[in-house]
């Protein structure tokens, strides 16, 4: 059934105006943006169906035949590494009757549907379909019934996918973040095993808690004191930007999440003195958030499962020379514990925020000056919301603050 924008979604969209201001008059998004089933159904089309989606790291499929699966809203997806070392993102749904051809992760030569043994290559191309030659020539069947692919772009080791085969490239929209990241050598870093946590809150709340520095002095008081809110800076957001980002300065060189607030490992070779005196937090919405630290990079992927539920996937990246340290395992355990402590505080707060947004007594709060990244995120969202409406021949008039 084709999706149609509903009247209640149009009403919510008309209220976005005050949420797009980077001024003292700015207000948070309407609660329905986080709680409404119909608004989330709209976002699946307007945002996730028309954006570059981060689906993982290239290190997750290091060898030919490697694959892993994940769920992009209603779509089971397979990420694969083919014989020629190219990476593919394809549907996991057999094009015969809809049975999944793969789940979990592993290594294989091809994907075979257990129901009728239709078989597909690592790029999704149909290889065999028993008995179907009686119905249609195989070349025609293969053309029409291979596993649908998504467009793929690799950016700094992260795998992005887009439903539109003609989508403009992602990288040009990330020039500001790319410039900041180049000294961190992300293509060379080694990925540690990621952690999956299920959360009962909206996907946008997860991004918001990552990129606004206002809360760090309070929610994270103690473990985050080396990077106080008052040392946060902001980067201007321009139409067409694919990232929202901000730096936060340190109280001392080479700080980090540890009991003594120093980095757990030697600084990444090639960083400037300025980069060793700060961390940069960024998001490539709608699914990726990043933290650039002097000694490590942390990343999070957000997989929505409805308006009030997500899968939160987090991981850490290190230079090969750091991983080769004789005491790396011990130090990594401490580093990971420190990151998970911060995550646990954010996750508990996010769950509470979601509960509050369901209340009929909730209000559209005023953004603080240290929450400037949130109107920037709202601008990124609003462009996708309104572009989708335009593509459907619809429009709304935004209310003023």
Protein backbone atom coordinates (compact mmCIF):
# COMPACT_ATOMS: atom_id res chain seq x y z
CA UNK A 1 0.00 0.00 0.00
CA UNK A 2 1.41 3.39 -1.02
CA UNK A 3 2.10 5.77 1.85
CA UNK A 4 0.00 8.94 2.11
CA UNK A 5 0.78 11.88 4.39
CA UNK A 6 -1.97 12.25 6.97
CA UNK A 7 -3.61 15.45 8.24
CA UNK A 8 -2.21 15.04 11.74
CA UNK A 9 1.33 14.86 10.32
CA UNK A 10 0.75 18.06 8.33
CA UNK A 11 -0.49 19.75 11.50
CA UNK A 12 2.66 18.75 13.40
CA UNK A 13 4.88 19.93 10.54
CA UNK A 14 3.20 23.35 10.52
CA UNK A 15 4.39 23.83 14.12
CA UNK A 16 8.12 23.38 13.38
CA UNK A 17 8.99 27.06 12.91
CA UNK A 18 10.15 27.84 16.48
CA UNK A 19 12.29 24.68 16.51
CA UNK A 20 14.42 25.91 13.60
CA UNK A 21 15.68 29.11 15.23
CA UNK A 22 19.24 29.45 16.53
CA UNK A 23 18.10 32.31 18.77
CA UNK A 24 16.71 32.87 22.27
CA UNK A 25 13.20 32.25 20.90
CA UNK A 26 13.99 28.66 19.85
CA UNK A 27 11.77 25.90 21.23
CA UNK A 28 11.93 22.13 21.18
CA UNK A 29 10.10 20.02 18.62
CA UNK A 30 6.43 19.12 19.16
CA UNK A 31 6.05 16.03 21.34
CA UNK A 32 4.28 14.21 18.50
CA UNK A 33 7.57 14.18 16.57
CA UNK A 34 8.80 11.68 19.16
CA UNK A 35 5.66 9.80 20.17
CA UNK A 36 3.29 9.57 17.20
CA UNK A 37 3.00 6.38 15.17
CA UNK A 38 1.79 8.36 12.16
CA UNK A 39 4.69 10.80 12.38
CA UNK A 40 7.19 7.94 12.56
CA UNK A 41 5.52 6.37 9.50
CA UNK A 42 6.08 9.71 7.74
CA UNK A 43 9.75 9.78 8.82
CA UNK A 44 10.34 6.30 7.42
CA UNK A 45 9.50 7.71 4.01
CA UNK A 46 10.73 11.31 4.28
CA UNK A 47 13.97 10.70 6.21
CA UNK A 48 15.07 7.07 6.15
CA UNK A 49 13.83 6.39 2.63
CA UNK A 50 15.63 9.44 1.21
CA UNK A 51 18.89 9.72 3.22
CA UNK A 52 22.28 8.05 3.42
CA UNK A 53 22.05 5.49 6.24
CA UNK A 54 25.11 4.28 8.14
CA UNK A 55 24.86 0.50 8.37
CA UNK A 56 28.25 -0.38 9.91
CA UNK A 57 32.03 -0.42 9.54
CA UNK A 58 34.00 -2.03 6.73
CA UNK A 59 35.93 -4.07 9.34
CA UNK A 60 32.73 -6.05 9.98
CA UNK A 61 33.19 -7.74 6.59
CA UNK A 62 36.99 -8.05 6.25
CA UNK A 63 37.09 -11.12 3.96
CA UNK A 64 35.37 -12.26 0.76
CA UNK A 65 32.15 -14.04 1.66
CA UNK A 66 31.72 -12.22 4.98
CA UNK A 67 28.28 -10.85 5.72
CA UNK A 68 26.09 -9.52 8.50
CA UNK A 69 22.43 -8.58 8.68
CA UNK A 70 20.47 -5.76 10.23
CA UNK A 71 16.98 -4.29 10.18
CA UNK A 72 16.35 -0.91 8.52
CA UNK A 73 12.87 -0.17 9.81
CA UNK A 74 10.73 -2.71 7.89
CA UNK A 75 13.55 -3.96 5.68
CA UNK A 76 15.84 -6.90 6.58
CA UNK A 77 19.20 -6.05 5.00
CA UNK A 78 22.45 -7.94 4.31
CA UNK A 79 25.86 -6.24 4.15
CA UNK A 80 28.32 -8.39 2.18
CA UNK A 81 31.91 -8.52 0.95
CA UNK A 82 32.17 -10.01 -2.55
CA UNK A 83 35.11 -11.89 -4.10
CA UNK A 84 36.45 -8.70 -5.67
CA UNK A 85 36.42 -7.11 -2.15
CA UNK A 86 33.57 -4.77 -3.05
CA UNK A 87 30.94 -4.16 -0.36
CA UNK A 88 27.26 -4.58 -1.14
CA UNK A 89 24.08 -3.79 0.77
CA UNK A 90 21.18 -5.91 -0.43
CA UNK A 91 17.72 -7.01 0.64
CA UNK A 92 17.58 -10.20 2.73
CA UNK A 93 14.10 -11.01 1.37
CA UNK A 94 13.83 -13.79 -1.22
CA UNK A 95 12.16 -12.38 -4.31
CA UNK A 96 10.07 -15.51 -4.76
CA UNK A 97 7.84 -15.72 -1.67
CA UNK A 98 9.51 -13.43 0.89
CA UNK A 99 11.43 -15.88 3.09
CA UNK A 100 14.63 -14.40 4.56
CA UNK A 101 17.75 -15.73 2.87
CA UNK A 102 20.12 -14.82 5.73
CA UNK A 103 20.08 -13.84 9.39
CA UNK A 104 22.88 -13.08 11.84
CA UNK A 105 26.43 -12.96 10.46
CA UNK A 106 28.94 -15.36 8.92
CA UNK A 107 30.83 -16.31 5.78
CA UNK A 108 29.39 -18.06 2.72
CA UNK A 109 29.68 -18.37 -1.06
CA UNK A 110 26.05 -17.47 -1.71
CA UNK A 111 22.66 -17.07 -0.04
CA UNK A 112 20.15 -19.88 -0.51
CA UNK A 113 16.53 -19.54 0.52
CA UNK A 114 15.65 -22.66 2.54
CA UNK A 115 12.06 -22.69 1.30
CA UNK A 116 12.61 -23.44 -2.41
CA UNK A 117 16.40 -23.15 -2.75
CA UNK A 118 16.42 -19.97 -4.80
CA UNK A 119 20.10 -18.94 -4.62
CA UNK A 120 21.71 -15.51 -4.79
CA UNK A 121 25.31 -14.26 -5.10
CA UNK A 122 27.05 -11.96 -2.63
CA UNK A 123 25.97 -9.00 -4.78
CA UNK A 124 22.34 -10.18 -4.71
CA UNK A 125 22.21 -11.50 -8.27
CA UNK A 126 19.95 -14.52 -8.73
CA UNK A 127 22.07 -17.62 -9.45
CA UNK A 128 19.48 -20.39 -9.58
CA UNK A 129 15.76 -20.94 -9.19
CA UNK A 130 14.79 -24.64 -9.36
CA UNK A 131 11.94 -25.52 -11.71
CA UNK A 132 11.32 -21.90 -12.71
CA UNK A 133 12.66 -22.43 -16.25
CA UNK A 134 9.22 -23.84 -17.00
CA UNK A 135 7.74 -20.43 -16.20
CA UNK A 136 10.19 -17.93 -17.65
CA UNK A 137 13.67 -17.84 -19.26
CA UNK A 138 16.28 -17.56 -16.52
CA UNK A 139 17.87 -14.36 -17.87
CA UNK A 140 14.53 -12.59 -17.55
CA UNK A 141 13.91 -14.08 -14.12
CA UNK A 142 17.36 -12.99 -12.93
CA UNK A 143 16.78 -9.46 -14.17
CA UNK A 144 13.44 -9.16 -12.37
CA UNK A 145 14.05 -11.28 -9.25
CA UNK A 146 17.58 -10.61 -7.98
CA UNK A 147 17.82 -9.24 -4.45
CA UNK A 148 17.27 -5.46 -4.63
CA UNK A 149 20.51 -3.57 -3.91
CA UNK A 150 20.95 -0.27 -2.12
CA UNK A 151 23.46 2.29 -3.34
CA UNK A 152 26.69 2.08 -1.29
CA UNK A 153 29.28 4.66 -0.32
CA UNK A 154 32.24 4.08 2.01
CA UNK A 155 33.20 7.16 4.02
CA UNK A 156 36.12 7.03 6.48
CA UNK A 157 35.56 3.29 6.89
CA UNK A 158 31.83 3.61 7.57
CA UNK A 159 29.41 1.85 5.22
CA UNK A 160 26.49 4.01 4.07
CA UNK A 161 23.54 2.87 1.99
CA UNK A 162 20.79 4.73 0.14
CA UNK A 163 17.54 3.40 -1.32
CA UNK A 164 17.78 5.73 -4.32
CA UNK A 165 20.26 4.42 -6.94
CA UNK A 166 20.60 7.97 -8.27
CA UNK A 167 21.19 9.63 -4.89
CA UNK A 168 23.87 12.38 -4.91
CA UNK A 169 27.15 11.39 -3.24
CA UNK A 170 27.37 11.68 0.53
CA UNK A 171 31.00 12.78 0.93
CA UNK A 172 30.62 16.33 -0.51
CA UNK A 173 28.03 17.12 2.17
CA UNK A 174 30.47 16.15 4.94
CA UNK A 175 33.36 18.45 4.00
CA UNK A 176 33.48 20.21 7.40
CA UNK A 177 33.57 16.95 9.35
CA UNK A 178 35.94 15.34 6.85
CA UNK A 179 38.44 18.16 7.38
CA UNK A 180 38.30 17.66 11.15
CA UNK A 181 38.60 13.87 10.87
CA UNK A 182 41.52 13.57 8.46
CA UNK A 183 44.20 13.55 11.18
CA UNK A 184 42.39 10.76 13.03
CA UNK A 185 43.12 8.29 10.21
CA UNK A 186 39.74 6.57 10.48
CA UNK A 187 40.38 4.36 7.45
CA UNK A 188 43.37 2.86 9.29
CA UNK A 189 41.81 2.41 12.73
CA UNK A 190 40.94 -1.00 14.19
CA UNK A 191 37.37 -1.60 15.31
CA UNK A 192 36.64 -3.28 18.63
CA UNK A 193 33.56 -5.52 19.07
CA UNK A 194 30.45 -3.36 19.30
CA UNK A 195 27.80 -3.43 22.02
CA UNK A 196 24.05 -3.56 21.28
CA UNK A 197 21.51 -2.08 23.69
CA UNK A 198 17.74 -1.88 23.19
CA UNK A 199 16.22 1.43 24.22
CA UNK A 200 12.67 2.64 24.64
CA UNK A 201 12.91 6.14 23.22
CA UNK A 202 12.73 7.93 19.90
CA UNK A 203 15.72 7.83 17.56
CA UNK A 204 16.02 11.63 17.52
CA UNK A 205 16.40 11.74 21.30
CA UNK A 206 19.44 9.48 20.92
CA UNK A 207 21.07 11.94 18.52
CA UNK A 208 20.14 14.94 20.65
CA UNK A 209 21.73 13.46 23.77
CA UNK A 210 24.92 12.87 21.79
CA UNK A 211 25.36 16.33 20.31
CA UNK A 212 24.18 18.86 22.89
CA UNK A 213 26.84 19.84 25.46
CA UNK A 214 24.48 21.57 27.91
CA UNK A 215 23.75 18.41 29.92
CA UNK A 216 27.33 17.23 30.40
CA UNK A 217 28.01 19.47 33.43
CA UNK A 218 25.00 17.98 35.19
CA UNK A 219 24.06 14.49 34.04
CA UNK A 220 27.73 13.51 33.63
CA UNK A 221 29.12 15.51 36.56
CA UNK A 222 32.30 13.78 37.66
CA UNK A 223 33.44 11.57 34.74
CA UNK A 224 32.96 14.41 32.21
CA UNK A 225 34.54 17.24 34.23
CA UNK A 226 37.64 17.34 32.01
CA UNK A 227 35.39 18.66 29.18
CA UNK A 228 32.98 21.09 30.86
CA UNK A 229 30.02 22.55 29.03
CA UNK A 230 31.49 26.05 29.23
CA UNK A 231 34.34 25.00 26.91
CA UNK A 232 31.96 23.88 24.16
CA UNK A 233 32.06 25.62 20.80
CA UNK A 234 29.77 25.45 17.79
CA UNK A 235 30.09 25.16 14.03
CA UNK A 236 27.75 27.09 11.74
CA UNK A 237 25.22 24.89 9.97
CA UNK A 238 24.50 25.66 6.33
CA UNK A 239 21.84 24.32 4.01
CA UNK A 240 23.25 21.21 2.36
CA UNK A 241 25.47 20.20 5.28
CA UNK A 242 25.31 16.49 6.00
CA UNK A 243 26.67 16.76 9.52
CA UNK A 244 26.01 18.61 12.76
CA UNK A 245 29.13 18.92 14.94
CA UNK A 246 30.71 20.81 17.78
CA UNK A 247 34.04 20.79 19.68
CA UNK A 248 34.41 20.84 23.47
CA UNK A 249 37.69 21.94 24.96
CA UNK A 250 39.56 20.10 27.73
CA UNK A 251 40.84 21.43 31.02
CA UNK A 252 44.18 19.76 30.22
CA UNK A 253 46.04 18.14 27.32
CA UNK A 254 45.24 14.53 26.37
CA UNK A 255 42.24 14.22 28.68
CA UNK A 256 39.86 11.30 28.55
CA UNK A 257 37.23 9.16 30.18
CA UNK A 258 39.16 7.47 32.99
CA UNK A 259 39.33 7.68 36.80
CA UNK A 260 42.12 10.29 36.63
CA UNK A 261 40.59 12.00 33.55
CA UNK A 262 43.59 11.30 31.34
CA UNK A 263 43.57 9.44 28.02
CA UNK A 264 43.74 5.67 28.39
CA UNK A 265 46.19 5.35 25.47
CA UNK A 266 48.87 7.37 23.69
CA UNK A 267 47.45 10.11 21.45
CA UNK A 268 46.69 9.21 17.86
CA UNK A 269 49.78 10.02 15.80
CA UNK A 270 49.30 13.07 13.59
CA UNK A 271 46.86 15.01 15.76
CA UNK A 272 47.56 18.71 16.28
CA UNK A 273 48.12 20.14 19.75
CA UNK A 274 44.69 21.75 19.46
CA UNK A 275 43.04 18.39 18.69
CA UNK A 276 44.74 16.87 21.73
CA UNK A 277 43.13 19.63 23.82
CA UNK A 278 39.53 18.90 22.77
CA UNK A 279 37.03 16.35 21.59
CA UNK A 280 34.70 16.76 18.64
CA UNK A 281 31.18 15.33 18.75
CA UNK A 282 29.32 14.89 15.47
CA UNK A 283 26.34 13.24 13.88
CA UNK A 284 25.70 12.20 10.30
CA UNK A 285 21.95 11.85 10.70
CA UNK A 286 19.80 9.93 10.81
CA UNK A 287 21.83 6.97 12.12
CA UNK A 288 25.47 7.78 12.98
CA UNK A 289 27.05 9.70 15.86
CA UNK A 290 30.79 10.07 16.50
CA UNK A 291 33.20 11.22 19.17
CA UNK A 292 36.78 12.12 18.21
CA UNK A 293 39.09 11.84 21.24
CA UNK A 294 42.90 12.26 21.41
CA UNK A 295 43.44 8.50 21.86
CA UNK A 296 40.32 6.87 20.40
CA UNK A 297 37.18 7.38 18.33
CA UNK A 298 33.80 6.19 19.53
CA UNK A 299 30.85 5.64 17.22
CA UNK A 300 27.17 4.85 17.62
CA UNK A 301 24.62 3.59 15.11
CA UNK A 302 20.93 4.13 15.83
CA UNK A 303 18.45 1.63 14.39
CA UNK A 304 14.82 2.69 14.98
CA UNK A 305 12.07 0.18 15.68
CA UNK A 306 9.05 2.44 15.97
CA UNK A 307 8.49 5.92 17.40
CA UNK A 308 9.60 4.91 20.91
CA UNK A 309 12.10 2.10 20.44
CA UNK A 310 15.63 1.76 19.05
CA UNK A 311 18.60 -0.56 18.87
CA UNK A 312 21.68 1.40 20.01
CA UNK A 313 24.97 0.01 18.66
CA UNK A 314 28.24 1.44 20.05
CA UNK A 315 31.89 0.74 19.30
CA UNK A 316 35.44 2.04 19.71
CA UNK A 317 38.26 2.52 17.17
CA UNK A 318 42.03 2.55 17.79
CA UNK A 319 45.22 2.88 15.75
CA UNK A 320 46.93 -0.47 15.00
CA UNK A 321 49.94 0.58 17.07
CA UNK A 322 47.66 1.11 20.08
CA UNK A 323 46.08 -2.32 19.68
CA UNK A 324 49.60 -3.80 19.54
CA UNK A 325 50.50 -2.50 23.01
CA UNK A 326 51.26 -5.40 25.38
CA UNK A 327 48.73 -4.17 27.97
CA UNK A 328 46.09 -3.13 25.42
CA UNK A 329 43.44 -5.61 26.61
CA UNK A 330 43.61 -4.40 30.19
CA UNK A 331 43.58 -0.74 29.24
CA UNK A 332 40.80 -1.27 26.68
CA UNK A 333 38.61 -2.84 29.34
CA UNK A 334 38.98 0.28 31.47
CA UNK A 335 38.34 2.54 28.48
CA UNK A 336 35.24 0.64 27.44
CA UNK A 337 33.89 0.66 31.00
CA UNK A 338 34.29 4.45 31.12
CA UNK A 339 32.46 4.93 27.81
CA UNK A 340 29.67 2.58 28.88
CA UNK A 341 29.31 4.53 32.15
CA UNK A 342 28.61 7.68 30.14
CA UNK A 343 26.31 5.75 27.80
CA UNK A 344 24.36 4.31 30.73
CA UNK A 345 23.71 7.79 32.10
CA UNK A 346 22.52 9.02 28.70
CA UNK A 347 20.35 5.96 28.10
CA UNK A 348 18.56 6.29 31.43
CA UNK A 349 17.94 9.98 30.75
CA UNK A 350 16.65 9.22 27.25
CA UNK A 351 14.13 6.72 28.59
CA UNK A 352 12.89 9.33 31.07
CA UNK A 353 12.62 11.97 28.33
CA UNK A 354 10.47 9.65 26.22
CA UNK A 355 8.12 8.98 29.14
CA UNK A 356 7.75 12.70 29.78
CA UNK A 357 6.91 13.45 26.16
CA UNK A 358 3.81 11.25 26.35
CA UNK A 359 2.39 13.45 29.12
CA UNK A 360 -0.40 15.87 28.20
CA UNK A 361 1.32 18.29 30.61
CA UNK A 362 4.58 18.35 28.64
CA UNK A 363 5.59 21.64 27.00
CA UNK A 364 7.83 22.71 24.15
CA UNK A 365 10.85 23.80 26.18
CA UNK A 366 13.20 26.71 25.49
CA UNK A 367 16.58 25.72 24.09
CA UNK A 368 19.60 26.93 26.07
CA UNK A 369 22.52 28.65 24.34
CA UNK A 370 24.53 25.44 24.86
CA UNK A 371 21.92 23.50 22.87
CA UNK A 372 22.57 25.30 19.60
CA UNK A 373 23.18 21.98 17.85
CA UNK A 374 19.54 20.98 18.36
CA UNK A 375 18.00 23.66 16.10
CA UNK A 376 20.70 22.69 13.61
CA UNK A 377 19.53 19.08 13.72
CA UNK A 378 15.94 20.30 13.38
CA UNK A 379 16.92 22.23 10.25
CA UNK A 380 18.43 19.07 8.78
CA UNK A 381 15.20 17.21 9.56
CA UNK A 382 12.89 19.96 8.34
CA UNK A 383 14.58 20.07 4.95
CA UNK A 384 13.86 16.36 4.48
CA UNK A 385 10.33 16.67 5.80
CA UNK A 386 9.47 19.59 3.52
CA UNK A 387 11.31 18.21 0.47
CA UNK A 388 9.24 15.05 0.78
CA UNK A 389 6.02 17.04 0.96
CA UNK A 390 7.04 18.98 -2.15
CA UNK A 391 7.72 15.71 -3.99
CA UNK A 392 4.18 14.65 -3.11
CA UNK A 393 2.69 17.94 -4.28
CA UNK A 394 2.01 19.09 -0.71
CA UNK A 395 3.13 21.99 1.44
CA UNK A 396 2.61 23.54 4.87
CA UNK A 397 2.99 27.06 6.19
CA UNK A 398 5.33 27.09 9.17
CA UNK A 399 4.10 28.93 12.25
CA UNK A 400 6.36 31.72 13.46
CA UNK A 401 7.90 31.79 16.93
